[in-house]
Amino acid sequence: MTLDGSPLEGVKIYRSFASYEGEVVAVSGKDGTYRSEFMFIPGDEMVTVWAELEGYTFAPENIYWRHYYGYEESTLDFEAVKP
């Protein structure tokens, strides 16, 4: 997470499946990075991930994909935009 190239701490990363509510899966640290632990994703599931911090918007607004069966590892990047 960065704002104009500077790290942004305290950004909450949410994840949801299909039409369920999101849950916080990580929070960015002082260096602006975040990491979530391994999470089981049911087979054939729509996954959405997004970032939130009061006073900011993020690009992209969210990242979503259809997860099929099996192991998957992804790196997702968001950039903060101060309105």
C-alpha atoms as a PDB file:
ATOM      1  CA  MET A   1       0.000   0.000   0.000  1.00  0.00           C
ATOM      2  CA  THR A   2       1.448   3.303  -0.998  1.00  0.00           C
ATOM      3  CA  LEU A   3       0.310   6.865  -1.405  1.00  0.00           C
ATOM      4  CA  ASP A   4       2.514   8.760  -3.855  1.00  0.00           C
ATOM      5  CA  GLY A   5       5.238   6.156  -3.279  1.00  0.00           C
ATOM      6  CA  SER A   6       5.123   6.425   0.541  1.00  0.00           C
ATOM      7  CA  PRO A   7       4.062   3.400   2.640  1.00  0.00           C
ATOM      8  CA  LEU A   8       0.592   3.502   4.159  1.00  0.00           C
ATOM      9  CA  GLU A   9       0.090   1.690   7.470  1.00  0.00           C
ATOM     10  CA  GLY A  10      -3.184   0.334   8.850  1.00  0.00           C
ATOM     11  CA  VAL A  11      -4.955  -0.501   5.591  1.00  0.00           C
ATOM     12  CA  LYS A  12      -7.424  -3.344   6.143  1.00  0.00           C
ATOM     13  CA  ILE A  13      -7.566  -6.037   3.473  1.00  0.00           C
ATOM     14  CA  TYR A  14     -10.923  -7.769   3.125  1.00  0.00           C
ATOM     15  CA  ARG A  15     -11.900 -10.992   1.383  1.00  0.00           C
ATOM     16  CA  SER A  16     -15.350 -12.323   0.566  1.00  0.00           C
ATOM     17  CA  PHE A  17     -16.772 -15.347  -1.203  1.00  0.00           C
ATOM     18  CA  ALA A  18     -19.685 -15.036  -3.667  1.00  0.00           C
ATOM     19  CA  SER A  19     -22.314 -12.833  -2.017  1.00  0.00           C
ATOM     20  CA  TYR A  20     -21.162 -13.242   1.602  1.00  0.00           C
ATOM     21  CA  GLU A  21     -19.971 -10.328   3.720  1.00  0.00           C
ATOM     22  CA  GLY A  22     -16.259  -9.601   3.713  1.00  0.00           C
ATOM     23  CA  GLU A  23     -13.883 -10.318   6.546  1.00  0.00           C
ATOM     24  CA  VAL A  24     -10.535  -8.727   7.383  1.00  0.00           C
ATOM     25  CA  VAL A  25      -7.718 -11.077   6.358  1.00  0.00           C
ATOM     26  CA  ALA A  26      -4.708  -8.724   6.746  1.00  0.00           C
ATOM     27  CA  VAL A  27      -3.633  -5.210   7.799  1.00  0.00           C
ATOM     28  CA  SER A  28      -0.731  -3.329   6.214  1.00  0.00           C
ATOM     29  CA  GLY A  29       2.326  -2.654   8.373  1.00  0.00           C
ATOM     30  CA  LYS A  30       4.651   0.351   8.626  1.00  0.00           C
ATOM     31  CA  ASP A  31       6.291  -0.586   5.340  1.00  0.00           C
ATOM     32  CA  GLY A  32       2.915  -0.640   3.579  1.00  0.00           C
ATOM     33  CA  THR A  33       2.952  -4.365   2.904  1.00  0.00           C
ATOM     34  CA  TYR A  34       0.523  -6.995   4.073  1.00  0.00           C
ATOM     35  CA  ARG A  35       0.366 -10.766   4.138  1.00  0.00           C
ATOM     36  CA  SER A  36      -2.457 -13.117   4.954  1.00  0.00           C
ATOM     37  CA  GLU A  37      -2.076 -16.667   6.112  1.00  0.00           C
ATOM     38  CA  PHE A  38      -3.225 -19.597   3.996  1.00  0.00           C
ATOM     39  CA  MET A  39      -7.009 -19.766   3.716  1.00  0.00           C
ATOM     40  CA  PHE A  40      -9.084 -22.572   2.365  1.00  0.00           C
ATOM     41  CA  ILE A  41     -11.179 -21.469  -0.617  1.00  0.00           C
ATOM     42  CA  PRO A  42     -14.039 -23.806  -1.502  1.00  0.00           C
ATOM     43  CA  GLY A  43     -13.903 -25.156  -5.047  1.00  0.00           C
ATOM     44  CA  ASP A  44     -15.658 -23.207  -7.808  1.00  0.00           C
ATOM     45  CA  GLU A  45     -16.022 -19.997  -5.768  1.00  0.00           C
ATOM     46  CA  MET A  46     -16.052 -16.311  -6.677  1.00  0.00           C
ATOM     47  CA  VAL A  47     -13.464 -14.455  -4.557  1.00  0.00           C
ATOM     48  CA  THR A  48     -13.320 -10.682  -4.037  1.00  0.00           C
ATOM     49  CA  VAL A  49     -10.504  -8.823  -2.246  1.00  0.00           C
ATOM     50  CA  TRP A  50     -10.437  -5.080  -1.473  1.00  0.00           C
ATOM     51  CA  ALA A  51      -8.627  -2.524   0.689  1.00  0.00           C
ATOM     52  CA  GLU A  52     -10.095   0.036   3.115  1.00  0.00           C
ATOM     53  CA  LEU A  53      -8.746   2.906   5.193  1.00  0.00           C
ATOM     54  CA  GLU A  54     -10.862   5.854   6.286  1.00  0.00           C
ATOM     55  CA  GLY A  55     -10.223   8.910   4.136  1.00  0.00           C
ATOM     56  CA  TYR A  56      -8.772   6.969   1.194  1.00  0.00           C
ATOM     57  CA  THR A  57      -9.942   5.172  -1.892  1.00  0.00           C
ATOM     58  CA  PHE A  58      -7.935   2.456  -3.619  1.00  0.00           C
ATOM     59  CA  ALA A  59      -7.130   1.419  -7.146  1.00  0.00           C
ATOM     60  CA  PRO A  60      -8.233  -1.031  -8.167  1.00  0.00           C
ATOM     61  CA  GLU A  61     -11.472  -0.756  -6.181  1.00  0.00           C
ATOM     62  CA  ASN A  62     -11.467  -4.536  -5.805  1.00  0.00           C
ATOM     63  CA  ILE A  63      -9.939  -7.624  -7.343  1.00  0.00           C
ATOM     64  CA  TYR A  64     -12.140 -10.614  -8.070  1.00  0.00           C
ATOM     65  CA  TRP A  65     -11.748 -13.940  -9.765  1.00  0.00           C
ATOM     66  CA  ARG A  66     -13.327 -17.347 -10.041  1.00  0.00           C
ATOM     67  CA  HIS A  67     -11.380 -19.890  -8.026  1.00  0.00           C
ATOM     68  CA  TYR A  68     -11.534 -23.454  -9.231  1.00  0.00           C
ATOM     69  CA  TYR A  69     -10.321 -26.446  -7.271  1.00  0.00           C
ATOM     70  CA  GLY A  70      -6.742 -26.702  -6.073  1.00  0.00           C
ATOM     71  CA  TYR A  71      -3.983 -24.625  -4.499  1.00  0.00           C
ATOM     72  CA  GLU A  72      -3.587 -21.023  -5.599  1.00  0.00           C
ATOM     73  CA  GLU A  73      -1.109 -18.335  -4.536  1.00  0.00           C
ATOM     74  CA  SER A  74      -1.610 -14.688  -5.553  1.00  0.00           C
ATOM     75  CA  THR A  75       0.028 -11.319  -5.050  1.00  0.00           C
ATOM     76  CA  LEU A  76      -2.486  -8.473  -4.999  1.00  0.00           C
ATOM     77  CA  ASP A  77      -1.455  -4.808  -5.082  1.00  0.00           C
ATOM     78  CA  PHE A  78      -3.581  -1.764  -4.279  1.00  0.00           C
ATOM     79  CA  GLU A  79      -2.634   1.898  -4.588  1.00  0.00           C
ATOM     80  CA  ALA A  80      -4.088   4.480  -2.214  1.00  0.00           C
ATOM     81  CA  VAL A  81      -5.705   7.615  -3.613  1.00  0.00           C
ATOM     82  CA  LYS A  82      -6.534  10.519  -1.284  1.00  0.00           C
ATOM     83  CA  PRO A  83      -9.828  12.069  -2.446  1.00  0.00           C
END
